Amino acid sequence: DAGVHASGQMINFHTRSHLTPQVWQRALNAVLPGT
């Protein structure tokens, strides 16, 4: 809900990109907000 936090939320998504998971992690952390 609104205002609730997470330290262990799990997500998944499908992509045609061939980036490795490690690259996905670095790239997402580079563009996501600090929250």
PDB file of all heavy atoms in Angstrom:
ATOM      1  N   ASP A   1       0.829  -1.207   0.000  1.00  0.00           N
ATOM      2  CA  ASP A   1       0.000   0.000   0.000  1.00  0.00           C
ATOM      3  C   ASP A   1       0.863   1.258   0.000  1.00  0.00           C
ATOM      4  O   ASP A   1       2.082   1.204   0.212  1.00  0.00           O
ATOM      5  CB  ASP A   1      -0.910   0.022   1.225  1.00  0.00           C
ATOM      6  CG  ASP A   1      -1.958  -1.078   1.196  1.00  0.00           C
ATOM      7  OD1 ASP A   1      -2.296  -1.538   0.089  1.00  0.00           O
ATOM      8  OD2 ASP A   1      -2.422  -1.485   2.273  1.00  0.00           O
ATOM      9  N   ALA A   2       0.219   2.389  -0.171  1.00  0.00           N
ATOM     10  CA  ALA A   2       0.904   3.687  -0.123  1.00  0.00           C
ATOM     11  C   ALA A   2       1.630   3.842   1.206  1.00  0.00           C
ATOM     12  O   ALA A   2       1.066   3.582   2.269  1.00  0.00           O
ATOM     13  CB  ALA A   2      -0.102   4.815  -0.302  1.00  0.00           C
ATOM     14  N   GLY A   3       2.905   4.227   1.134  1.00  0.00           N
ATOM     15  CA  GLY A   3       3.686   4.463   2.339  1.00  0.00           C
ATOM     16  C   GLY A   3       4.387   3.257   2.912  1.00  0.00           C
ATOM     17  O   GLY A   3       5.213   3.384   3.815  1.00  0.00           O
ATOM     18  N   VAL A   4       4.071   2.060   2.409  1.00  0.00           N
ATOM     19  CA  VAL A   4       4.693   0.832   2.916  1.00  0.00           C
ATOM     20  C   VAL A   4       6.047   0.639   2.240  1.00  0.00           C
ATOM     21  O   VAL A   4       6.207   0.903   1.045  1.00  0.00           O
ATOM     22  CB  VAL A   4       3.784  -0.386   2.666  1.00  0.00           C
ATOM     23  CG1 VAL A   4       4.476  -1.682   3.080  1.00  0.00           C
ATOM     24  CG2 VAL A   4       2.461  -0.225   3.419  1.00  0.00           C
ATOM     25  N   HIS A   5       7.020   0.135   2.994  1.00  0.00           N
ATOM     26  CA  HIS A   5       8.387  -0.043   2.498  1.00  0.00           C
ATOM     27  C   HIS A   5       8.648  -1.510   2.125  1.00  0.00           C
ATOM     28  O   HIS A   5       7.834  -2.394   2.402  1.00  0.00           O
ATOM     29  CB  HIS A   5       9.384   0.392   3.569  1.00  0.00           C
ATOM     30  CG  HIS A   5       9.042   1.689   4.235  1.00  0.00           C
ATOM     31  ND1 HIS A   5       9.075   2.899   3.563  1.00  0.00           N
ATOM     32  CD2 HIS A   5       8.622   1.968   5.506  1.00  0.00           C
ATOM     33  CE1 HIS A   5       8.712   3.867   4.396  1.00  0.00           C
ATOM     34  NE2 HIS A   5       8.423   3.326   5.572  1.00  0.00           N
ATOM     35  N   ALA A   6       9.809  -1.744   1.537  1.00  0.00           N
ATOM     36  CA  ALA A   6      10.223  -3.120   1.235  1.00  0.00           C
ATOM     37  C   ALA A   6      11.735  -3.220   1.267  1.00  0.00           C
ATOM     38  O   ALA A   6      12.440  -2.328   0.797  1.00  0.00           O
ATOM     39  CB  ALA A   6       9.709  -3.551  -0.133  1.00  0.00           C
ATOM     40  N   SER A   7      12.222  -4.306   1.857  1.00  0.00           N
ATOM     41  CA  SER A   7      13.647  -4.639   1.751  1.00  0.00           C
ATOM     42  C   SER A   7      13.825  -5.905   0.940  1.00  0.00           C
ATOM     43  O   SER A   7      14.936  -6.217   0.512  1.00  0.00           O
ATOM     44  CB  SER A   7      14.260  -4.821   3.148  1.00  0.00           C
ATOM     45  OG  SER A   7      13.609  -5.872   3.846  1.00  0.00           O
ATOM     46  N   GLY A   8      12.723  -6.640   0.704  1.00  0.00           N
ATOM     47  CA  GLY A   8      12.821  -7.902  -0.029  1.00  0.00           C
ATOM     48  C   GLY A   8      11.671  -8.124  -0.996  1.00  0.00           C
ATOM     49  O   GLY A   8      11.221  -9.260  -1.166  1.00  0.00           O
ATOM     50  N   GLN A   9      11.183  -7.065  -1.636  1.00  0.00           N
ATOM     51  CA  GLN A   9      10.172  -7.239  -2.680  1.00  0.00           C
ATOM     52  C   GLN A   9      10.800  -7.967  -3.864  1.00  0.00           C
ATOM     53  O   GLN A   9      11.955  -7.692  -4.230  1.00  0.00           O
ATOM     54  CB  GLN A   9       9.646  -5.878  -3.133  1.00  0.00           C
ATOM     55  CG  GLN A   9       8.768  -5.867  -4.358  1.00  0.00           C
ATOM     56  CD  GLN A   9       7.360  -6.369  -4.109  1.00  0.00           C
ATOM     57  OE1 GLN A   9       7.138  -7.581  -4.044  1.00  0.00           O
ATOM     58  NE2 GLN A   9       6.408  -5.444  -3.982  1.00  0.00           N
ATOM     59  N   MET A  10      10.069  -8.894  -4.447  1.00  0.00           N
ATOM     60  CA  MET A  10      10.574  -9.598  -5.623  1.00  0.00           C
ATOM     61  C   MET A  10       9.741  -9.201  -6.837  1.00  0.00           C
ATOM     62  O   MET A  10       8.505  -9.159  -6.766  1.00  0.00           O
ATOM     63  CB  MET A  10      10.494 -11.106  -5.416  1.00  0.00           C
ATOM     64  CG  MET A  10      11.034 -11.924  -6.583  1.00  0.00           C
ATOM     65  SD  MET A  10      12.800 -11.645  -6.932  1.00  0.00           S
ATOM     66  CE  MET A  10      13.526 -12.309  -5.431  1.00  0.00           C
ATOM     67  N   ILE A  11      10.411  -8.903  -7.945  1.00  0.00           N
ATOM     68  CA  ILE A  11       9.732  -8.565  -9.191  1.00  0.00           C
ATOM     69  C   ILE A  11      10.274  -9.456 -10.310  1.00  0.00           C
ATOM     70  O   ILE A  11      11.333 -10.083 -10.172  1.00  0.00           O
ATOM     71  CB  ILE A  11       9.930  -7.088  -9.589  1.00  0.00           C
ATOM     72  CG1 ILE A  11      11.412  -6.822  -9.930  1.00  0.00           C
ATOM     73  CG2 ILE A  11       9.456  -6.149  -8.488  1.00  0.00           C
ATOM     74  CD1 ILE A  11      11.657  -5.535 -10.700  1.00  0.00           C
ATOM     75  N   ASN A  12       9.539  -9.505 -11.396  1.00  0.00           N
ATOM     76  CA  ASN A  12      10.094 -10.088 -12.618  1.00  0.00           C
ATOM     77  C   ASN A  12       9.521  -9.348 -13.820  1.00  0.00           C
ATOM     78  O   ASN A  12       8.444  -8.743 -13.749  1.00  0.00           O
ATOM     79  CB  ASN A  12       9.836 -11.587 -12.712  1.00  0.00           C
ATOM     80  CG  ASN A  12       8.408 -11.933 -13.079  1.00  0.00           C
ATOM     81  OD1 ASN A  12       7.498 -11.764 -12.267  1.00  0.00           O
ATOM     82  ND2 ASN A  12       8.195 -12.408 -14.302  1.00  0.00           N
ATOM     83  N   PHE A  13      10.267  -9.364 -14.916  1.00  0.00           N
ATOM     84  CA  PHE A  13       9.816  -8.742 -16.161  1.00  0.00           C
ATOM     85  C   PHE A  13      10.466  -9.466 -17.330  1.00  0.00           C
ATOM     86  O   PHE A  13      11.543 -10.050 -17.201  1.00  0.00           O
ATOM     87  CB  PHE A  13      10.149  -7.241 -16.198  1.00  0.00           C
ATOM     88  CG  PHE A  13      11.624  -6.922 -16.155  1.00  0.00           C
ATOM     89  CD1 PHE A  13      12.362  -6.754 -17.318  1.00  0.00           C
ATOM     90  CD2 PHE A  13      12.278  -6.791 -14.930  1.00  0.00           C
ATOM     91  CE1 PHE A  13      13.720  -6.452 -17.280  1.00  0.00           C
ATOM     92  CE2 PHE A  13      13.640  -6.492 -14.880  1.00  0.00           C
ATOM     93  CZ  PHE A  13      14.366  -6.326 -16.052  1.00  0.00           C
ATOM     94  N   HIS A  14       9.778  -9.446 -18.470  1.00  0.00           N
ATOM     95  CA  HIS A  14      10.300 -10.067 -19.678  1.00  0.00           C
ATOM     96  C   HIS A  14      10.892  -9.000 -20.591  1.00  0.00           C
ATOM     97  O   HIS A  14      10.357  -7.890 -20.695  1.00  0.00           O
ATOM     98  CB  HIS A  14       9.194 -10.832 -20.408  1.00  0.00           C
ATOM     99  CG  HIS A  14       8.731 -12.058 -19.692  1.00  0.00           C
ATOM    100  ND1 HIS A  14       7.800 -12.025 -18.657  1.00  0.00           N
ATOM    101  CD2 HIS A  14       9.093 -13.362 -19.828  1.00  0.00           C
ATOM    102  CE1 HIS A  14       7.600 -13.254 -18.208  1.00  0.00           C
ATOM    103  NE2 HIS A  14       8.369 -14.079 -18.903  1.00  0.00           N
ATOM    104  N   THR A  15      11.989  -9.359 -21.245  1.00  0.00           N
ATOM    105  CA  THR A  15      12.671  -8.406 -22.106  1.00  0.00           C
ATOM    106  C   THR A  15      13.314  -9.128 -23.288  1.00  0.00           C
ATOM    107  O   THR A  15      13.748 -10.283 -23.172  1.00  0.00           O
ATOM    108  CB  THR A  15      13.747  -7.628 -21.320  1.00  0.00           C
ATOM    109  OG1 THR A  15      14.475  -6.782 -22.221  1.00  0.00           O
ATOM    110  CG2 THR A  15      14.734  -8.570 -20.641  1.00  0.00           C
ATOM    111  N   ARG A  16      13.352  -8.433 -24.419  1.00  0.00           N
ATOM    112  CA  ARG A  16      14.073  -8.963 -25.588  1.00  0.00           C
ATOM    113  C   ARG A  16      15.542  -8.561 -25.550  1.00  0.00           C
ATOM    114  O   ARG A  16      16.336  -9.000 -26.380  1.00  0.00           O
ATOM    115  CB  ARG A  16      13.415  -8.451 -26.872  1.00  0.00           C
ATOM    116  CG  ARG A  16      12.042  -9.049 -27.147  1.00  0.00           C
ATOM    117  CD  ARG A  16      11.511  -8.631 -28.522  1.00  0.00           C
ATOM    118  NE  ARG A  16      11.235  -7.203 -28.572  1.00  0.00           N
ATOM    119  CZ  ARG A  16      10.073  -6.657 -28.210  1.00  0.00           C
ATOM    120  NH1 ARG A  16       9.091  -7.425 -27.764  1.00  0.00           N
ATOM    121  NH2 ARG A  16       9.889  -5.349 -28.287  1.00  0.00           N
ATOM    122  N   SER A  17      15.898  -7.720 -24.608  1.00  0.00           N
ATOM    123  CA  SER A  17      17.291  -7.299 -24.469  1.00  0.00           C
ATOM    124  C   SER A  17      18.161  -8.479 -24.038  1.00  0.00           C
ATOM    125  O   SER A  17      17.714  -9.382 -23.328  1.00  0.00           O
ATOM    126  CB  SER A  17      17.389  -6.182 -23.423  1.00  0.00           C
ATOM    127  OG  SER A  17      18.734  -5.953 -23.075  1.00  0.00           O
ATOM    128  N   HIS A  18      19.413  -8.470 -24.482  1.00  0.00           N
ATOM    129  CA  HIS A  18      20.347  -9.538 -24.121  1.00  0.00           C
ATOM    130  C   HIS A  18      21.324  -9.107 -23.028  1.00  0.00           C
ATOM    131  O   HIS A  18      22.374  -9.733 -22.839  1.00  0.00           O
ATOM    132  CB  HIS A  18      21.114 -10.013 -25.363  1.00  0.00           C
ATOM    133  CG  HIS A  18      20.231 -10.656 -26.392  1.00  0.00           C
ATOM    134  ND1 HIS A  18      19.609 -11.868 -26.176  1.00  0.00           N
ATOM    135  CD2 HIS A  18      19.845 -10.237 -27.617  1.00  0.00           C
ATOM    136  CE1 HIS A  18      18.881 -12.188 -27.245  1.00  0.00           C
ATOM    137  NE2 HIS A  18      19.011 -11.202 -28.133  1.00  0.00           N
ATOM    138  N   LEU A  19      20.987  -8.050 -22.305  1.00  0.00           N
ATOM    139  CA  LEU A  19      21.837  -7.642 -21.184  1.00  0.00           C
ATOM    140  C   LEU A  19      21.850  -8.736 -20.123  1.00  0.00           C
ATOM    141  O   LEU A  19      20.825  -9.375 -19.857  1.00  0.00           O
ATOM    142  CB  LEU A  19      21.305  -6.345 -20.568  1.00  0.00           C
ATOM    143  CG  LEU A  19      21.292  -5.096 -21.451  1.00  0.00           C
ATOM    144  CD1 LEU A  19      20.642  -3.938 -20.698  1.00  0.00           C
ATOM    145  CD2 LEU A  19      22.693  -4.736 -21.898  1.00  0.00           C
ATOM    146  N   THR A  20      22.988  -8.939 -19.501  1.00  0.00           N
ATOM    147  CA  THR A  20      23.072  -9.934 -18.428  1.00  0.00           C
ATOM    148  C   THR A  20      22.380  -9.394 -17.183  1.00  0.00           C
ATOM    149  O   THR A  20      22.220  -8.173 -17.024  1.00  0.00           O
ATOM    150  CB  THR A  20      24.524 -10.258 -18.085  1.00  0.00           C
ATOM    151  OG1 THR A  20      25.143  -9.087 -17.515  1.00  0.00           O
ATOM    152  CG2 THR A  20      25.305 -10.705 -19.320  1.00  0.00           C
ATOM    153  N   PRO A  21      21.977 -10.273 -16.270  1.00  0.00           N
ATOM    154  CA  PRO A  21      21.363  -9.796 -15.033  1.00  0.00           C
ATOM    155  C   PRO A  21      22.240  -8.820 -14.263  1.00  0.00           C
ATOM    156  O   PRO A  21      21.743  -7.862 -13.671  1.00  0.00           O
ATOM    157  CB  PRO A  21      21.124 -11.085 -14.243  1.00  0.00           C
ATOM    158  CG  PRO A  21      20.979 -12.139 -15.290  1.00  0.00           C
ATOM    159  CD  PRO A  21      21.941 -11.755 -16.373  1.00  0.00           C
ATOM    160  N   GLN A  22      23.546  -9.065 -14.274  1.00  0.00           N
ATOM    161  CA  GLN A  22      24.459  -8.176 -13.557  1.00  0.00           C
ATOM    162  C   GLN A  22      24.458  -6.775 -14.174  1.00  0.00           C
ATOM    163  O   GLN A  22      24.488  -5.762 -13.455  1.00  0.00           O
ATOM    164  CB  GLN A  22      25.886  -8.756 -13.563  1.00  0.00           C
ATOM    165  CG  GLN A  22      26.048 -10.038 -12.770  1.00  0.00           C
ATOM    166  CD  GLN A  22      25.420 -11.250 -13.448  1.00  0.00           C
ATOM    167  OE1 GLN A  22      25.285 -11.283 -14.687  1.00  0.00           O
ATOM    168  NE2 GLN A  22      25.035 -12.246 -12.654  1.00  0.00           N
ATOM    169  N   VAL A  23      24.388  -6.715 -15.489  1.00  0.00           N
ATOM    170  CA  VAL A  23      24.329  -5.418 -16.161  1.00  0.00           C
ATOM    171  C   VAL A  23      22.990  -4.750 -15.884  1.00  0.00           C
ATOM    172  O   VAL A  23      22.920  -3.529 -15.654  1.00  0.00           O
ATOM    173  CB  VAL A  23      24.570  -5.572 -17.678  1.00  0.00           C
ATOM    174  CG1 VAL A  23      24.308  -4.248 -18.405  1.00  0.00           C
ATOM    175  CG2 VAL A  23      25.984  -6.046 -17.944  1.00  0.00           C
ATOM    176  N   TRP A  24      21.918  -5.545 -15.883  1.00  0.00           N
ATOM    177  CA  TRP A  24      20.606  -4.993 -15.541  1.00  0.00           C
ATOM    178  C   TRP A  24      20.625  -4.353 -14.156  1.00  0.00           C
ATOM    179  O   TRP A  24      20.103  -3.260 -13.945  1.00  0.00           O
ATOM    180  CB  TRP A  24      19.536  -6.091 -15.577  1.00  0.00           C
ATOM    181  CG  TRP A  24      18.845  -6.228 -16.895  1.00  0.00           C
ATOM    182  CD1 TRP A  24      18.902  -7.283 -17.759  1.00  0.00           C
ATOM    183  CD2 TRP A  24      17.966  -5.271 -17.509  1.00  0.00           C
ATOM    184  NE1 TRP A  24      18.131  -7.047 -18.876  1.00  0.00           N
ATOM    185  CE2 TRP A  24      17.539  -5.824 -18.744  1.00  0.00           C
ATOM    186  CE3 TRP A  24      17.510  -4.007 -17.146  1.00  0.00           C
ATOM    187  CZ2 TRP A  24      16.667  -5.149 -19.602  1.00  0.00           C
ATOM    188  CZ3 TRP A  24      16.636  -3.330 -17.994  1.00  0.00           C
ATOM    189  CH2 TRP A  24      16.229  -3.899 -19.204  1.00  0.00           C
ATOM    190  N   GLN A  25      21.241  -5.040 -13.194  1.00  0.00           N
ATOM    191  CA  GLN A  25      21.288  -4.504 -11.831  1.00  0.00           C
ATOM    192  C   GLN A  25      22.021  -3.169 -11.801  1.00  0.00           C
ATOM    193  O   GLN A  25      21.532  -2.188 -11.221  1.00  0.00           O
ATOM    194  CB  GLN A  25      21.952  -5.493 -10.878  1.00  0.00           C
ATOM    195  CG  GLN A  25      21.998  -5.001  -9.436  1.00  0.00           C
ATOM    196  CD  GLN A  25      22.662  -5.988  -8.490  1.00  0.00           C
ATOM    197  OE1 GLN A  25      23.272  -6.964  -8.926  1.00  0.00           O
ATOM    198  NE2 GLN A  25      22.549  -5.735  -7.200  1.00  0.00           N
ATOM    199  N   ARG A  26      23.192  -3.122 -12.427  1.00  0.00           N
ATOM    200  CA  ARG A  26      23.971  -1.879 -12.420  1.00  0.00           C
ATOM    201  C   ARG A  26      23.239  -0.760 -13.165  1.00  0.00           C
ATOM    202  O   ARG A  26      23.199   0.388 -12.709  1.00  0.00           O
ATOM    203  CB  ARG A  26      25.350  -2.114 -13.040  1.00  0.00           C
ATOM    204  CG  ARG A  26      26.271  -2.994 -12.209  1.00  0.00           C
ATOM    205  CD  ARG A  26      27.723  -2.841 -12.666  1.00  0.00           C
ATOM    206  NE  ARG A  26      27.897  -3.220 -14.053  1.00  0.00           N
ATOM    207  CZ  ARG A  26      28.192  -4.454 -14.479  1.00  0.00           C
ATOM    208  NH1 ARG A  26      28.306  -5.445 -13.592  1.00  0.00           N
ATOM    209  NH2 ARG A  26      28.357  -4.712 -15.762  1.00  0.00           N
ATOM    210  N   ALA A  27      22.658  -1.105 -14.310  1.00  0.00           N
ATOM    211  CA  ALA A  27      21.998  -0.086 -15.123  1.00  0.00           C
ATOM    212  C   ALA A  27      20.756   0.463 -14.423  1.00  0.00           C
ATOM    213  O   ALA A  27      20.519   1.682 -14.420  1.00  0.00           O
ATOM    214  CB  ALA A  27      21.629  -0.668 -16.484  1.00  0.00           C
ATOM    215  N   LEU A  28      19.971  -0.419 -13.843  1.00  0.00           N
ATOM    216  CA  LEU A  28      18.769   0.044 -13.149  1.00  0.00           C
ATOM    217  C   LEU A  28      19.123   0.916 -11.950  1.00  0.00           C
ATOM    218  O   LEU A  28      18.513   1.969 -11.723  1.00  0.00           O
ATOM    219  CB  LEU A  28      17.925  -1.155 -12.699  1.00  0.00           C
ATOM    220  CG  LEU A  28      17.129  -1.855 -13.802  1.00  0.00           C
ATOM    221  CD1 LEU A  28      16.530  -3.163 -13.291  1.00  0.00           C
ATOM    222  CD2 LEU A  28      16.022  -0.944 -14.336  1.00  0.00           C
ATOM    223  N   ASN A  29      20.120   0.515 -11.190  1.00  0.00           N
ATOM    224  CA  ASN A  29      20.521   1.318 -10.035  1.00  0.00           C
ATOM    225  C   ASN A  29      21.091   2.670 -10.455  1.00  0.00           C
ATOM    226  O   ASN A  29      21.066   3.628  -9.675  1.00  0.00           O
ATOM    227  CB  ASN A  29      21.532   0.553  -9.184  1.00  0.00           C
ATOM    228  CG  ASN A  29      20.870  -0.473  -8.287  1.00  0.00           C
ATOM    229  OD1 ASN A  29      19.714  -0.314  -7.896  1.00  0.00           O
ATOM    230  ND2 ASN A  29      21.595  -1.533  -7.962  1.00  0.00           N
ATOM    231  N   ALA A  30      21.586   2.745 -11.686  1.00  0.00           N
ATOM    232  CA  ALA A  30      22.135   4.018 -12.172  1.00  0.00           C
ATOM    233  C   ALA A  30      21.025   5.007 -12.536  1.00  0.00           C
ATOM    234  O   ALA A  30      21.237   6.222 -12.479  1.00  0.00           O
ATOM    235  CB  ALA A  30      23.038   3.774 -13.378  1.00  0.00           C
ATOM    236  N   VAL A  31      19.845   4.507 -12.912  1.00  0.00           N
ATOM    237  CA  VAL A  31      18.789   5.418 -13.379  1.00  0.00           C
ATOM    238  C   VAL A  31      17.615   5.529 -12.406  1.00  0.00           C
ATOM    239  O   VAL A  31      16.825   6.482 -12.513  1.00  0.00           O
ATOM    240  CB  VAL A  31      18.264   4.988 -14.769  1.00  0.00           C
ATOM    241  CG1 VAL A  31      19.385   5.010 -15.792  1.00  0.00           C
ATOM    242  CG2 VAL A  31      17.610   3.609 -14.719  1.00  0.00           C
ATOM    243  N   LEU A  32      17.491   4.601 -11.477  1.00  0.00           N
ATOM    244  CA  LEU A  32      16.397   4.661 -10.513  1.00  0.00           C
ATOM    245  C   LEU A  32      16.641   5.785  -9.495  1.00  0.00           C
ATOM    246  O   LEU A  32      17.790   6.122  -9.199  1.00  0.00           O
ATOM    247  CB  LEU A  32      16.262   3.328  -9.766  1.00  0.00           C
ATOM    248  CG  LEU A  32      15.595   2.189 -10.523  1.00  0.00           C
ATOM    249  CD1 LEU A  32      15.830   0.864  -9.795  1.00  0.00           C
ATOM    250  CD2 LEU A  32      14.094   2.440 -10.705  1.00  0.00           C
ATOM    251  N   PRO A  33      15.582   6.353  -8.936  1.00  0.00           N
ATOM    252  CA  PRO A  33      15.768   7.354  -7.874  1.00  0.00           C
ATOM    253  C   PRO A  33      16.375   6.712  -6.633  1.00  0.00           C
ATOM    254  O   PRO A  33      16.363   5.479  -6.475  1.00  0.00           O
ATOM    255  CB  PRO A  33      14.339   7.841  -7.611  1.00  0.00           C
ATOM    256  CG  PRO A  33      13.464   6.736  -8.069  1.00  0.00           C
ATOM    257  CD  PRO A  33      14.160   6.114  -9.237  1.00  0.00           C
ATOM    258  N   GLY A  34      16.886   7.526  -5.735  1.00  0.00           N
ATOM    259  CA  GLY A  34      17.555   7.015  -4.545  1.00  0.00           C
ATOM    260  C   GLY A  34      16.649   6.237  -3.610  1.00  0.00           C
ATOM    261  O   GLY A  34      17.137   5.528  -2.725  1.00  0.00           O
ATOM    262  N   THR A  35      15.329   6.345  -3.794  1.00  0.00           N
ATOM    263  CA  THR A  35      14.386   5.653  -2.916  1.00  0.00           C
ATOM    264  C   THR A  35      14.087   4.229  -3.367  1.00  0.00           C
ATOM    265  O   THR A  35      13.338   3.511  -2.699  1.00  0.00           O
ATOM    266  CB  THR A  35      13.067   6.436  -2.862  1.00  0.00           C
ATOM    267  OG1 THR A  35      12.646   6.749  -4.194  1.00  0.00           O
ATOM    268  CG2 THR A  35      13.241   7.720  -2.051  1.00  0.00           C
TER     269      THR A  35
END
